[in-house]
Amino acid sequence: MRTIAPKDLPLAEFHNALLTAIAPRPICFASTIDEAGNPNLSPFSFFNVFGSNPTRFIFSPARRVRDNTIKHTLENAMATKEVVINVVNYAMVQQMSLASCEYPKGVNEFEKAGFTPLASQKVKPFRVQESPVQFECKVVDIIETGKEGGAGNLIIAEMVLMHISPNVLTADGKIDQHKLDLVGRLGSDWYVRASGNALFEVPKPAKNLGIGFDQLPLTIRNSKILTGNSLGMLANIEQLPDADSIAIYKHMNKDLATLLNSANNQELKSTQLHQLAQNLLQKGLIVEAWKVLLSE
């Protein structure tokens, strides 16, 4: 394993390695205005939400690595204490990238990138009409983390109003992750699209506690077939299936019955059972996988 201290590499190289490793990152498409009322629009991927009550976002217009200058967004946030955070989906990612160009102060990135400014209700900066979710925010604090190039400036913003496009809602009014079609930032020129087969669900740990890795039989824990993710799924079950349900499953499942009645040696049979269980786990059938594993 390669081990790197922050000063081991030139700053630009270390910066790129860091942003490639810490990814994907959500994108804060920040709309601000200066004291003269000129709009500014710029994306930042040092960003996330840090509480719902009050609703606090933090994003960081870091000092430029190459020349240690600060960005117009930071200047505007300091001056006016307001910002609109717009989320970025796939349909607008190319335009968003164009808005990241470092145009001179006073240039309107809404016009340069072809976005539609939408009047906000609680703050002065415009919303981006093309963004499926927009947050009107008041800046409550700005924390400077350093004076050198690459140092962060943490803008802590409290949401006062949220706007959601009806185009990304389900029938019962919730945000549909597939319709939202968000993009995330990676390193260099890379992005990731949160849609299609890239989306998957992982059930949260059971309220009554999963049995845990330590309760897995050694033959299962040391399996050459079952992966770490597979074992995690097995260990998240609250209780093992009982003997009666296992017996019924053995009788009803023809593949399992055939395998158990085969003349294979025990080691090969165990491998085949683990492979059958792995196939079930890939389909999310955790209880059925346990019944296969406990049928030996």
C-alpha atoms as a PDB file:
ATOM      1  CA  MET A   1       0.000   0.000   0.000  1.00  0.00           C
ATOM      2  CA  ARG A   2       1.304   3.435  -0.916  1.00  0.00           C
ATOM      3  CA  THR A   3       1.426   5.794   2.056  1.00  0.00           C
ATOM      4  CA  ILE A   4       1.380   9.568   1.492  1.00  0.00           C
ATOM      5  CA  ALA A   5       1.675  12.484   3.895  1.00  0.00           C
ATOM      6  CA  PRO A   6       0.105  15.798   2.774  1.00  0.00           C
ATOM      7  CA  LYS A   7       3.490  17.353   1.999  1.00  0.00           C
ATOM      8  CA  ASP A   8       4.922  14.328   0.152  1.00  0.00           C
ATOM      9  CA  LEU A   9       3.500  15.435  -3.199  1.00  0.00           C
ATOM     10  CA  PRO A  10       3.171  18.758  -5.008  1.00  0.00           C
ATOM     11  CA  LEU A  11      -0.059  20.370  -3.823  1.00  0.00           C
ATOM     12  CA  ALA A  12      -1.851  20.040  -7.172  1.00  0.00           C
ATOM     13  CA  GLU A  13      -1.025  16.327  -7.380  1.00  0.00           C
ATOM     14  CA  PHE A  14      -2.057  15.676  -3.788  1.00  0.00           C
ATOM     15  CA  HIS A  15      -5.259  17.678  -4.314  1.00  0.00           C
ATOM     16  CA  ASN A  16      -6.191  15.495  -7.293  1.00  0.00           C
ATOM     17  CA  ALA A  17      -5.424  12.269  -5.417  1.00  0.00           C
ATOM     18  CA  LEU A  18      -7.592  13.437  -2.529  1.00  0.00           C
ATOM     19  CA  LEU A  19     -10.552  14.340  -4.744  1.00  0.00           C
ATOM     20  CA  THR A  20     -10.265  11.069  -6.634  1.00  0.00           C
ATOM     21  CA  ALA A  21     -10.298   9.026  -3.430  1.00  0.00           C
ATOM     22  CA  ILE A  22     -13.066  10.919  -1.614  1.00  0.00           C
ATOM     23  CA  ALA A  23     -15.851  10.392  -4.131  1.00  0.00           C
ATOM     24  CA  PRO A  24     -18.518  10.588  -5.348  1.00  0.00           C
ATOM     25  CA  ARG A  25     -19.324  13.954  -3.814  1.00  0.00           C
ATOM     26  CA  PRO A  26     -22.690  15.753  -4.085  1.00  0.00           C
ATOM     27  CA  ILE A  27     -22.596  19.042  -5.949  1.00  0.00           C
ATOM     28  CA  CYS A  28     -23.670  22.371  -4.482  1.00  0.00           C
ATOM     29  CA  PHE A  29     -24.574  24.602  -7.413  1.00  0.00           C
ATOM     30  CA  ALA A  30     -24.422  27.886  -5.514  1.00  0.00           C
ATOM     31  CA  SER A  31     -26.200  31.011  -6.635  1.00  0.00           C
ATOM     32  CA  THR A  32     -25.162  34.282  -4.979  1.00  0.00           C
ATOM     33  CA  ILE A  33     -25.222  37.993  -5.705  1.00  0.00           C
ATOM     34  CA  ASP A  34     -22.685  40.700  -4.961  1.00  0.00           C
ATOM     35  CA  GLU A  35     -23.428  43.966  -3.176  1.00  0.00           C
ATOM     36  CA  ALA A  36     -24.246  45.614  -6.500  1.00  0.00           C
ATOM     37  CA  GLY A  37     -26.852  42.933  -7.281  1.00  0.00           C
ATOM     38  CA  ASN A  38     -24.825  41.065  -9.918  1.00  0.00           C
ATOM     39  CA  PRO A  39     -25.661  37.322  -9.956  1.00  0.00           C
ATOM     40  CA  ASN A  40     -23.020  34.626  -9.700  1.00  0.00           C
ATOM     41  CA  LEU A  41     -23.382  30.878 -10.213  1.00  0.00           C
ATOM     42  CA  SER A  42     -20.721  28.265  -9.469  1.00  0.00           C
ATOM     43  CA  PRO A  43     -20.530  24.545  -8.515  1.00  0.00           C
ATOM     44  CA  PHE A  44     -18.728  23.165  -5.450  1.00  0.00           C
ATOM     45  CA  SER A  45     -18.261  19.523  -4.497  1.00  0.00           C
ATOM     46  CA  PHE A  46     -16.916  20.086  -0.989  1.00  0.00           C
ATOM     47  CA  PHE A  47     -20.528  19.945   0.165  1.00  0.00           C
ATOM     48  CA  ASN A  48     -23.136  18.128   2.231  1.00  0.00           C
ATOM     49  CA  VAL A  49     -26.081  18.506   4.617  1.00  0.00           C
ATOM     50  CA  PHE A  50     -25.281  18.504   8.350  1.00  0.00           C
ATOM     51  CA  GLY A  51     -28.613  18.451  10.151  1.00  0.00           C
ATOM     52  CA  SER A  52     -32.324  18.741   9.548  1.00  0.00           C
ATOM     53  CA  ASN A  53     -33.439  20.751  12.592  1.00  0.00           C
ATOM     54  CA  PRO A  54     -32.194  23.355  11.932  1.00  0.00           C
ATOM     55  CA  THR A  55     -31.421  22.421   8.346  1.00  0.00           C
ATOM     56  CA  ARG A  56     -27.747  23.248   7.855  1.00  0.00           C
ATOM     57  CA  PHE A  57     -25.641  22.846   4.742  1.00  0.00           C
ATOM     58  CA  ILE A  58     -21.887  23.319   4.517  1.00  0.00           C
ATOM     59  CA  PHE A  59     -20.005  23.919   1.301  1.00  0.00           C
ATOM     60  CA  SER A  60     -16.474  25.116   0.800  1.00  0.00           C
ATOM     61  CA  PRO A  61     -15.203  27.444  -1.922  1.00  0.00           C
ATOM     62  CA  ALA A  62     -11.595  26.474  -1.260  1.00  0.00           C
ATOM     63  CA  ARG A  63      -8.697  28.782  -2.005  1.00  0.00           C
ATOM     64  CA  ARG A  64      -7.398  28.129  -5.498  1.00  0.00           C
ATOM     65  CA  VAL A  65      -4.486  25.707  -5.468  1.00  0.00           C
ATOM     66  CA  ARG A  66      -2.581  27.399  -8.262  1.00  0.00           C
ATOM     67  CA  ASP A  67      -2.511  30.990  -6.959  1.00  0.00           C
ATOM     68  CA  ASN A  68      -4.165  31.045  -3.504  1.00  0.00           C
ATOM     69  CA  THR A  69      -6.951  33.412  -4.573  1.00  0.00           C
ATOM     70  CA  ILE A  70     -10.543  33.178  -3.312  1.00  0.00           C
ATOM     71  CA  LYS A  71     -13.699  32.791  -5.378  1.00  0.00           C
ATOM     72  CA  HIS A  72     -16.507  35.227  -6.118  1.00  0.00           C
ATOM     73  CA  THR A  73     -19.003  32.958  -4.343  1.00  0.00           C
ATOM     74  CA  LEU A  74     -17.074  33.337  -1.105  1.00  0.00           C
ATOM     75  CA  GLU A  75     -16.818  37.099  -1.504  1.00  0.00           C
ATOM     76  CA  ASN A  76     -20.566  37.342  -2.137  1.00  0.00           C
ATOM     77  CA  ALA A  77     -21.479  35.077   0.792  1.00  0.00           C
ATOM     78  CA  MET A  78     -19.360  37.228   3.088  1.00  0.00           C
ATOM     79  CA  ALA A  79     -20.972  40.411   1.805  1.00  0.00           C
ATOM     80  CA  THR A  80     -24.666  39.475   1.517  1.00  0.00           C
ATOM     81  CA  LYS A  81     -25.058  36.423   3.796  1.00  0.00           C
ATOM     82  CA  GLU A  82     -27.412  34.674   1.373  1.00  0.00           C
ATOM     83  CA  VAL A  83     -27.136  31.759  -1.065  1.00  0.00           C
ATOM     84  CA  VAL A  84     -29.328  29.397  -3.047  1.00  0.00           C
ATOM     85  CA  ILE A  85     -28.105  25.819  -3.267  1.00  0.00           C
ATOM     86  CA  ASN A  86     -29.348  24.046  -6.406  1.00  0.00           C
ATOM     87  CA  VAL A  87     -28.892  20.299  -6.894  1.00  0.00           C
ATOM     88  CA  VAL A  88     -27.441  19.058 -10.181  1.00  0.00           C
ATOM     89  CA  ASN A  89     -28.936  16.274 -12.276  1.00  0.00           C
ATOM     90  CA  TYR A  90     -27.741  14.660 -15.477  1.00  0.00           C
ATOM     91  CA  ALA A  91     -29.852  16.849 -17.752  1.00  0.00           C
ATOM     92  CA  MET A  92     -27.921  19.964 -16.695  1.00  0.00           C
ATOM     93  CA  VAL A  93     -24.412  18.666 -15.976  1.00  0.00           C
ATOM     94  CA  GLN A  94     -22.765  20.056 -19.113  1.00  0.00           C
ATOM     95  CA  GLN A  95     -24.215  23.510 -18.513  1.00  0.00           C
ATOM     96  CA  MET A  96     -23.148  23.332 -14.871  1.00  0.00           C
ATOM     97  CA  SER A  97     -19.603  22.533 -15.960  1.00  0.00           C
ATOM     98  CA  LEU A  98     -19.626  25.601 -18.207  1.00  0.00           C
ATOM     99  CA  ALA A  99     -20.686  27.744 -15.253  1.00  0.00           C
ATOM    100  CA  SER A 100     -17.529  26.644 -13.414  1.00  0.00           C
ATOM    101  CA  CYS A 101     -15.400  28.678 -15.832  1.00  0.00           C
ATOM    102  CA  GLU A 102     -13.640  31.488 -13.999  1.00  0.00           C
ATOM    103  CA  TYR A 103     -15.275  34.413 -15.726  1.00  0.00           C
ATOM    104  CA  PRO A 104     -14.329  37.915 -14.559  1.00  0.00           C
ATOM    105  CA  LYS A 105     -16.232  39.400 -11.626  1.00  0.00           C
ATOM    106  CA  GLY A 106     -19.607  40.753 -12.685  1.00  0.00           C
ATOM    107  CA  VAL A 107     -20.106  38.281 -15.542  1.00  0.00           C
ATOM    108  CA  ASN A 108     -23.468  36.532 -15.272  1.00  0.00           C
ATOM    109  CA  GLU A 109     -22.980  32.746 -15.325  1.00  0.00           C
ATOM    110  CA  PHE A 110     -26.724  32.248 -15.752  1.00  0.00           C
ATOM    111  CA  GLU A 111     -26.354  33.827 -19.192  1.00  0.00           C
ATOM    112  CA  LYS A 112     -23.012  32.183 -20.015  1.00  0.00           C
ATOM    113  CA  ALA A 113     -24.261  28.683 -19.155  1.00  0.00           C
ATOM    114  CA  GLY A 114     -27.782  29.139 -20.505  1.00  0.00           C
ATOM    115  CA  PHE A 115     -29.639  28.725 -17.211  1.00  0.00           C
ATOM    116  CA  THR A 116     -32.969  30.357 -16.369  1.00  0.00           C
ATOM    117  CA  PRO A 117     -32.880  32.605 -13.265  1.00  0.00           C
ATOM    118  CA  LEU A 118     -35.917  32.135 -11.050  1.00  0.00           C
ATOM    119  CA  ALA A 119     -36.771  34.673  -8.358  1.00  0.00           C
ATOM    120  CA  SER A 120     -36.428  33.353  -4.816  1.00  0.00           C
ATOM    121  CA  GLN A 121     -39.031  34.034  -2.138  1.00  0.00           C
ATOM    122  CA  LYS A 122     -36.943  34.520   1.007  1.00  0.00           C
ATOM    123  CA  VAL A 123     -33.501  35.532  -0.292  1.00  0.00           C
ATOM    124  CA  LYS A 124     -32.138  37.749  -3.070  1.00  0.00           C
ATOM    125  CA  PRO A 125     -30.014  35.270  -5.105  1.00  0.00           C
ATOM    126  CA  PHE A 126     -31.856  33.604  -7.979  1.00  0.00           C
ATOM    127  CA  ARG A 127     -32.714  29.937  -8.130  1.00  0.00           C
ATOM    128  CA  VAL A 128     -31.788  27.793 -11.150  1.00  0.00           C
ATOM    129  CA  GLN A 129     -35.060  26.848 -12.788  1.00  0.00           C
ATOM    130  CA  GLU A 130     -33.512  23.772 -14.451  1.00  0.00           C
ATOM    131  CA  SER A 131     -32.465  22.314 -11.089  1.00  0.00           C
ATOM    132  CA  PRO A 132     -35.013  19.778  -9.757  1.00  0.00           C
ATOM    133  CA  VAL A 133     -34.497  20.815  -6.102  1.00  0.00           C
ATOM    134  CA  GLN A 134     -33.499  24.262  -4.837  1.00  0.00           C
ATOM    135  CA  PHE A 135     -32.757  25.463  -1.293  1.00  0.00           C
ATOM    136  CA  GLU A 136     -32.983  29.100  -0.291  1.00  0.00           C
ATOM    137  CA  CYS A 137     -30.482  29.695   2.508  1.00  0.00           C
ATOM    138  CA  LYS A 138     -29.159  32.292   4.930  1.00  0.00           C
ATOM    139  CA  VAL A 139     -25.411  32.194   5.647  1.00  0.00           C
ATOM    140  CA  VAL A 140     -24.959  31.791   9.415  1.00  0.00           C
ATOM    141  CA  ASP A 141     -21.171  31.410   9.610  1.00  0.00           C
ATOM    142  CA  ILE A 142     -18.020  31.143   7.523  1.00  0.00           C
ATOM    143  CA  ILE A 143     -15.048  29.236   8.913  1.00  0.00           C
ATOM    144  CA  GLU A 144     -11.630  29.722   7.331  1.00  0.00           C
ATOM    145  CA  THR A 145      -9.490  26.586   7.656  1.00  0.00           C
ATOM    146  CA  GLY A 146      -6.205  28.066   6.423  1.00  0.00           C
ATOM    147  CA  LYS A 147      -4.448  30.810   4.492  1.00  0.00           C
ATOM    148  CA  GLU A 148      -2.625  28.772   1.838  1.00  0.00           C
ATOM    149  CA  GLY A 149      -3.790  27.479  -1.534  1.00  0.00           C
ATOM    150  CA  GLY A 150      -6.176  24.551  -1.155  1.00  0.00           C
ATOM    151  CA  ALA A 151      -7.450  25.664   2.257  1.00  0.00           C
ATOM    152  CA  GLY A 152     -11.186  25.474   2.783  1.00  0.00           C
ATOM    153  CA  ASN A 153     -13.703  28.182   3.637  1.00  0.00           C
ATOM    154  CA  LEU A 154     -16.671  26.469   5.231  1.00  0.00           C
ATOM    155  CA  ILE A 155     -19.849  28.345   4.436  1.00  0.00           C
ATOM    156  CA  ILE A 156     -22.518  27.220   6.910  1.00  0.00           C
ATOM    157  CA  ALA A 157     -25.931  27.959   5.464  1.00  0.00           C
ATOM    158  CA  GLU A 158     -29.350  27.455   7.035  1.00  0.00           C
ATOM    159  CA  MET A 159     -32.208  26.526   4.728  1.00  0.00           C
ATOM    160  CA  VAL A 160     -35.276  28.755   4.918  1.00  0.00           C
ATOM    161  CA  LEU A 161     -37.201  27.342   1.960  1.00  0.00           C
ATOM    162  CA  MET A 162     -37.037  24.221  -0.225  1.00  0.00           C
ATOM    163  CA  HIS A 163     -38.465  23.919  -3.745  1.00  0.00           C
ATOM    164  CA  ILE A 164     -39.032  20.554  -5.461  1.00  0.00           C
ATOM    165  CA  SER A 165     -39.994  20.100  -9.103  1.00  0.00           C
ATOM    166  CA  PRO A 166     -43.172  18.024  -9.543  1.00  0.00           C
ATOM    167  CA  ASN A 167     -41.307  16.162 -12.300  1.00  0.00           C
ATOM    168  CA  VAL A 168     -39.249  14.248  -9.716  1.00  0.00           C
ATOM    169  CA  LEU A 169     -42.069  13.334  -7.336  1.00  0.00           C
ATOM    170  CA  THR A 170     -43.855  10.028  -6.850  1.00  0.00           C
ATOM    171  CA  ALA A 171     -47.641   9.790  -6.771  1.00  0.00           C
ATOM    172  CA  ASP A 172     -47.589  10.218  -2.982  1.00  0.00           C
ATOM    173  CA  GLY A 173     -45.416  13.336  -3.130  1.00  0.00           C
ATOM    174  CA  LYS A 174     -42.016  11.880  -2.259  1.00  0.00           C
ATOM    175  CA  ILE A 175     -38.829  12.429  -4.240  1.00  0.00           C
ATOM    176  CA  ASP A 176     -38.199   9.575  -6.668  1.00  0.00           C
ATOM    177  CA  GLN A 177     -34.474   8.786  -6.681  1.00  0.00           C
ATOM    178  CA  HIS A 178     -34.642   7.514 -10.257  1.00  0.00           C
ATOM    179  CA  LYS A 179     -36.471  10.572 -11.573  1.00  0.00           C
ATOM    180  CA  LEU A 180     -34.073  12.872  -9.703  1.00  0.00           C
ATOM    181  CA  ASP A 181     -31.129  11.467 -11.708  1.00  0.00           C
ATOM    182  CA  LEU A 182     -28.439  13.257  -9.708  1.00  0.00           C
ATOM    183  CA  VAL A 183     -24.772  13.434 -10.663  1.00  0.00           C
ATOM    184  CA  GLY A 184     -21.810  13.333  -8.302  1.00  0.00           C
ATOM    185  CA  ARG A 185     -18.279  14.633  -8.647  1.00  0.00           C
ATOM    186  CA  LEU A 186     -15.230  12.388  -8.879  1.00  0.00           C
ATOM    187  CA  GLY A 187     -11.574  13.267  -9.532  1.00  0.00           C
ATOM    188  CA  SER A 188     -10.175  15.098 -12.567  1.00  0.00           C
ATOM    189  CA  ASP A 189     -12.868  15.333 -15.278  1.00  0.00           C
ATOM    190  CA  TRP A 190     -14.932  12.425 -13.960  1.00  0.00           C
ATOM    191  CA  TYR A 191     -18.541  12.436 -12.753  1.00  0.00           C
ATOM    192  CA  VAL A 192     -20.960   9.675 -11.776  1.00  0.00           C
ATOM    193  CA  ARG A 193     -24.658   9.395 -12.615  1.00  0.00           C
ATOM    194  CA  ALA A 194     -26.967   8.141  -9.872  1.00  0.00           C
ATOM    195  CA  SER A 195     -29.464   6.265 -12.010  1.00  0.00           C
ATOM    196  CA  GLY A 196     -30.254   2.895 -13.570  1.00  0.00           C
ATOM    197  CA  ASN A 197     -28.199  -0.060 -12.409  1.00  0.00           C
ATOM    198  CA  ALA A 198     -25.927   2.264 -10.401  1.00  0.00           C
ATOM    199  CA  LEU A 199     -28.690   2.548  -7.797  1.00  0.00           C
ATOM    200  CA  PHE A 200     -29.130  -0.203  -5.240  1.00  0.00           C
ATOM    201  CA  GLU A 201     -30.720  -0.573  -1.824  1.00  0.00           C
ATOM    202  CA  VAL A 202     -29.092  -1.750   1.397  1.00  0.00           C
ATOM    203  CA  PRO A 203     -31.615  -2.356   4.198  1.00  0.00           C
ATOM    204  CA  LYS A 204     -30.706  -0.521   7.388  1.00  0.00           C
ATOM    205  CA  PRO A 205     -29.658  -2.742  10.325  1.00  0.00           C
ATOM    206  CA  ALA A 206     -32.621  -4.363  12.011  1.00  0.00           C
ATOM    207  CA  LYS A 207     -34.156  -2.424  14.915  1.00  0.00           C
ATOM    208  CA  ASN A 208     -33.829  -5.512  17.127  1.00  0.00           C
ATOM    209  CA  LEU A 209     -30.150  -5.958  16.174  1.00  0.00           C
ATOM    210  CA  GLY A 210     -28.691  -8.326  13.617  1.00  0.00           C
ATOM    211  CA  ILE A 211     -26.960 -11.447  14.915  1.00  0.00           C
ATOM    212  CA  GLY A 212     -23.551 -10.094  13.828  1.00  0.00           C
ATOM    213  CA  PHE A 213     -20.480 -11.592  12.186  1.00  0.00           C
ATOM    214  CA  ASP A 214     -19.378 -13.228  15.427  1.00  0.00           C
ATOM    215  CA  GLN A 215     -22.473 -15.446  15.394  1.00  0.00           C
ATOM    216  CA  LEU A 216     -21.875 -16.786  11.890  1.00  0.00           C
ATOM    217  CA  PRO A 217     -20.731 -20.427  11.827  1.00  0.00           C
ATOM    218  CA  LEU A 218     -17.051 -20.680  10.921  1.00  0.00           C
ATOM    219  CA  THR A 219     -17.865 -22.696   7.787  1.00  0.00           C
ATOM    220  CA  ILE A 220     -19.884 -19.715   6.575  1.00  0.00           C
ATOM    221  CA  ARG A 221     -17.556 -16.994   7.847  1.00  0.00           C
ATOM    222  CA  ASN A 222     -14.560 -18.644   6.156  1.00  0.00           C
ATOM    223  CA  SER A 223     -16.402 -19.386   2.913  1.00  0.00           C
ATOM    224  CA  LYS A 224     -14.424 -19.037  -0.310  1.00  0.00           C
ATOM    225  CA  ILE A 225     -17.650 -18.237  -2.180  1.00  0.00           C
ATOM    226  CA  LEU A 226     -19.519 -15.815   0.054  1.00  0.00           C
ATOM    227  CA  THR A 227     -18.201 -12.253  -0.131  1.00  0.00           C
ATOM    228  CA  GLY A 228     -17.904  -9.682   2.660  1.00  0.00           C
ATOM    229  CA  ASN A 229     -21.128  -8.085   1.439  1.00  0.00           C
ATOM    230  CA  SER A 230     -22.824 -11.486   1.466  1.00  0.00           C
ATOM    231  CA  LEU A 231     -21.725 -12.162   5.028  1.00  0.00           C
ATOM    232  CA  GLY A 232     -22.926  -8.706   6.036  1.00  0.00           C
ATOM    233  CA  MET A 233     -26.384  -9.517   4.666  1.00  0.00           C
ATOM    234  CA  LEU A 234     -26.442 -12.836   6.514  1.00  0.00           C
ATOM    235  CA  ALA A 235     -25.266 -11.233   9.766  1.00  0.00           C
ATOM    236  CA  ASN A 236     -28.017  -8.578   9.633  1.00  0.00           C
ATOM    237  CA  ILE A 237     -30.814 -11.095  10.189  1.00  0.00           C
ATOM    238  CA  GLU A 238     -32.508 -10.896  13.590  1.00  0.00           C
ATOM    239  CA  GLN A 239     -32.936 -14.655  14.052  1.00  0.00           C
ATOM    240  CA  LEU A 240     -32.191 -17.795  12.081  1.00  0.00           C
ATOM    241  CA  PRO A 241     -34.976 -19.739  10.345  1.00  0.00           C
ATOM    242  CA  ASP A 242     -36.276 -22.638  12.442  1.00  0.00           C
ATOM    243  CA  ALA A 243     -35.797 -26.322  11.651  1.00  0.00           C
ATOM    244  CA  ASP A 244     -39.356 -26.811  10.365  1.00  0.00           C
ATOM    245  CA  SER A 245     -39.106 -23.998   7.821  1.00  0.00           C
ATOM    246  CA  ILE A 246     -35.728 -25.339   6.676  1.00  0.00           C
ATOM    247  CA  ALA A 247     -37.163 -28.835   6.221  1.00  0.00           C
ATOM    248  CA  ILE A 248     -40.101 -27.491   4.173  1.00  0.00           C
ATOM    249  CA  TYR A 249     -37.742 -25.438   2.030  1.00  0.00           C
ATOM    250  CA  LYS A 250     -35.512 -28.472   1.390  1.00  0.00           C
ATOM    251  CA  HIS A 251     -38.563 -30.436   0.269  1.00  0.00           C
ATOM    252  CA  MET A 252     -39.959 -27.675  -1.973  1.00  0.00           C
ATOM    253  CA  ASN A 253     -36.735 -26.496  -3.614  1.00  0.00           C
ATOM    254  CA  LYS A 254     -35.834 -29.013  -6.318  1.00  0.00           C
ATOM    255  CA  ASP A 255     -32.341 -27.604  -6.962  1.00  0.00           C
ATOM    256  CA  LEU A 256     -31.497 -27.851  -3.285  1.00  0.00           C
ATOM    257  CA  ALA A 257     -32.974 -31.340  -2.948  1.00  0.00           C
ATOM    258  CA  THR A 258     -31.001 -32.569  -5.956  1.00  0.00           C
ATOM    259  CA  LEU A 259     -27.800 -31.097  -4.599  1.00  0.00           C
ATOM    260  CA  LEU A 260     -28.264 -32.587  -1.137  1.00  0.00           C
ATOM    261  CA  ASN A 261     -28.993 -36.025  -2.603  1.00  0.00           C
ATOM    262  CA  SER A 262     -26.031 -36.000  -4.973  1.00  0.00           C
ATOM    263  CA  ALA A 263     -23.059 -38.269  -4.509  1.00  0.00           C
ATOM    264  CA  ASN A 264     -20.570 -35.376  -4.366  1.00  0.00           C
ATOM    265  CA  ASN A 265     -17.983 -35.368  -1.616  1.00  0.00           C
ATOM    266  CA  GLN A 266     -18.754 -33.135   1.360  1.00  0.00           C
ATOM    267  CA  GLU A 267     -16.310 -30.370   0.425  1.00  0.00           C
ATOM    268  CA  LEU A 268     -17.687 -30.063  -3.112  1.00  0.00           C
ATOM    269  CA  LYS A 269     -21.254 -30.227  -1.831  1.00  0.00           C
ATOM    270  CA  SER A 270     -20.544 -27.446   0.662  1.00  0.00           C
ATOM    271  CA  THR A 271     -19.042 -25.298  -2.112  1.00  0.00           C
ATOM    272  CA  GLN A 272     -22.118 -25.832  -4.268  1.00  0.00           C
ATOM    273  CA  LEU A 273     -24.430 -24.963  -1.384  1.00  0.00           C
ATOM    274  CA  HIS A 274     -22.498 -21.747  -0.776  1.00  0.00           C
ATOM    275  CA  GLN A 275     -22.750 -20.895  -4.461  1.00  0.00           C
ATOM    276  CA  LEU A 276     -26.501 -21.485  -4.393  1.00  0.00           C
ATOM    277  CA  ALA A 277     -26.786 -19.275  -1.303  1.00  0.00           C
ATOM    278  CA  GLN A 278     -24.668 -16.587  -2.992  1.00  0.00           C
ATOM    279  CA  ASN A 279     -27.036 -16.595  -5.971  1.00  0.00           C
ATOM    280  CA  LEU A 280     -29.992 -16.117  -3.635  1.00  0.00           C
ATOM    281  CA  LEU A 281     -28.273 -13.278  -1.782  1.00  0.00           C
ATOM    282  CA  GLN A 282     -27.632 -11.486  -5.068  1.00  0.00           C
ATOM    283  CA  LYS A 283     -31.416 -11.488  -5.503  1.00  0.00           C
ATOM    284  CA  GLY A 284     -31.926 -10.179  -1.965  1.00  0.00           C
ATOM    285  CA  LEU A 285     -33.367 -13.488  -0.708  1.00  0.00           C
ATOM    286  CA  ILE A 286     -31.589 -13.559   2.655  1.00  0.00           C
ATOM    287  CA  VAL A 287     -33.874 -15.953   4.560  1.00  0.00           C
ATOM    288  CA  GLU A 288     -33.809 -18.412   1.663  1.00  0.00           C
ATOM    289  CA  ALA A 289     -30.004 -18.211   1.561  1.00  0.00           C
ATOM    290  CA  TRP A 290     -29.880 -19.062   5.267  1.00  0.00           C
ATOM    291  CA  LYS A 291     -32.154 -22.057   4.692  1.00  0.00           C
ATOM    292  CA  VAL A 292     -29.759 -23.336   2.024  1.00  0.00           C
ATOM    293  CA  LEU A 293     -26.710 -22.842   4.263  1.00  0.00           C
ATOM    294  CA  LEU A 294     -28.360 -24.500   7.249  1.00  0.00           C
ATOM    295  CA  SER A 295     -29.569 -27.488   5.241  1.00  0.00           C
ATOM    296  CA  GLU A 296     -26.155 -29.195   5.296  1.00  0.00           C
END
